[in-house]
Protein backbone atom coordinates (compact mmCIF):
# COMPACT_ATOMS: atom_id res chain seq x y z
CA MET A 1 -44.86 32.62 58.08
CA MET A 2 -45.42 35.86 59.53
CA HIS A 3 -48.32 38.18 58.80
CA ARG A 4 -47.55 40.97 56.43
CA PRO A 5 -50.41 43.90 57.11
CA SER A 6 -51.74 45.15 54.28
CA ALA A 7 -52.41 49.13 53.40
CA PRO A 8 -56.26 48.79 54.65
CA GLU A 9 -55.19 46.85 57.87
CA LEU A 10 -52.62 49.95 58.72
CA LEU A 11 -55.17 52.60 57.47
CA LYS A 12 -57.34 54.33 59.91
CA PRO A 13 -60.88 55.47 58.38
CA GLY A 14 -60.50 58.51 56.05
CA GLN A 15 -56.52 58.39 55.64
CA SER A 16 -55.10 58.36 52.21
CA TYR A 17 -52.78 55.29 50.89
CA TYR A 18 -50.77 57.93 49.15
CA SER A 19 -49.55 59.47 52.71
CA LEU A 20 -49.07 56.25 54.00
CA VAL A 21 -46.70 55.10 51.10
CA VAL A 22 -44.85 58.48 51.50
CA ALA A 23 -44.55 58.09 55.38
CA VAL A 24 -43.37 54.06 55.03
CA ALA A 25 -40.70 55.94 52.17
CA LYS A 26 -39.64 58.12 54.62
CA ARG A 27 -39.17 56.01 57.57
CA ALA A 28 -37.54 53.72 55.30
CA ARG A 29 -35.11 55.80 54.41
CA GLU A 30 -34.35 57.17 57.97
CA ILE A 31 -33.54 53.79 58.90
CA SER A 32 -31.52 53.10 56.09
CA GLN A 33 -29.54 56.55 57.11
CA ILE A 34 -29.27 55.69 60.54
CA ALA A 35 -27.69 52.07 59.91
CA ASP A 36 -25.34 53.92 57.11
CA ASP A 37 -24.17 56.57 59.61
CA LYS A 38 -23.18 53.64 62.07
CA HIS A 39 -21.69 51.42 59.76
CA GLU A 40 -24.39 48.70 60.33
CA ILE A 41 -25.48 45.93 57.56
CA LEU A 42 -29.24 45.54 58.11
CA ALA A 43 -30.72 41.98 58.37
CA GLU A 44 -34.00 43.18 56.70
CA LYS A 45 -35.28 45.49 53.72
CA PRO A 46 -35.39 49.03 55.42
CA VAL A 47 -39.27 49.05 53.93
CA LYS A 48 -40.04 46.07 55.71
CA MET A 49 -38.73 47.34 58.89
CA ALA A 50 -40.64 50.56 58.41
CA VAL A 51 -44.14 49.02 57.57
CA ASP A 52 -43.55 46.78 61.08
CA ASP A 53 -42.71 50.21 63.10
CA PHE A 54 -46.09 51.40 61.86
CA SER A 55 -48.21 48.17 62.28
CA LYS A 56 -46.53 48.08 65.66
CA GLY A 57 -47.28 51.49 66.79
CA ARG A 58 -44.02 52.65 66.91
CA TYR A 59 -44.62 55.50 64.43
CA LYS A 60 -47.94 57.11 63.47
CA MET A 61 -49.11 58.69 60.66
CA ILE A 62 -50.47 62.17 60.80
CA GLU A 63 -52.02 63.92 58.05
CA SER A 64 -53.04 67.36 57.28
CA PRO A 65 -56.71 68.29 57.83
CA ASP A 66 -56.52 69.68 54.25
CA ILE A 67 -54.82 66.55 52.24
CA GLY A 68 -56.33 66.17 49.00
CA VAL A 69 -58.26 69.60 49.12
CA ILE A 70 -57.91 71.10 45.52
CA ASN A 71 -58.19 74.75 45.40
CA ASP A 72 -60.24 75.48 42.50
CA ARG A 73 -59.17 78.74 40.99
CA VAL A 74 -60.24 80.59 38.25
CA ILE A 75 -57.47 82.50 35.92
CA THR A 76 -58.08 85.85 35.22
CA SER A 77 -56.63 88.15 32.46
CA ALA A 78 -54.37 89.71 35.20
CA ASP A 79 -53.01 86.18 35.76
CA ALA A 80 -52.69 85.55 32.18
CA THR A 81 -49.53 88.00 31.82
CA ASP A 82 -47.60 85.79 33.91
CA LEU A 83 -48.95 82.52 31.75
CA ASP A 84 -47.50 81.76 28.30
CA ASP A 85 -50.35 79.34 27.13
CA ALA A 86 -53.24 80.23 29.58
CA VAL A 87 -56.81 80.09 29.15
CA VAL A 88 -58.32 83.43 30.32
CA VAL A 89 -61.91 83.11 31.79
CA ASP A 90 -63.70 86.21 32.88
């Protein structure tokens, strides 16, 4: 039986699980689209093929340095004119 890599095995320290899921999904869609364009039938599922690409280093995930950063901002009364049900904090 072949070893299936788990998410922690594919992630480097500090990388987001969510980003990995998105990257694998995008690669799987790409694999599926290429096969469709060539009128090929895939022997394996595109997601499995995408995970294999990442686990074998054929594809790498590059995250933005500000991933997960939430820019907190206070809504002012000037902003509230554009919002219907805004809470105004002065």
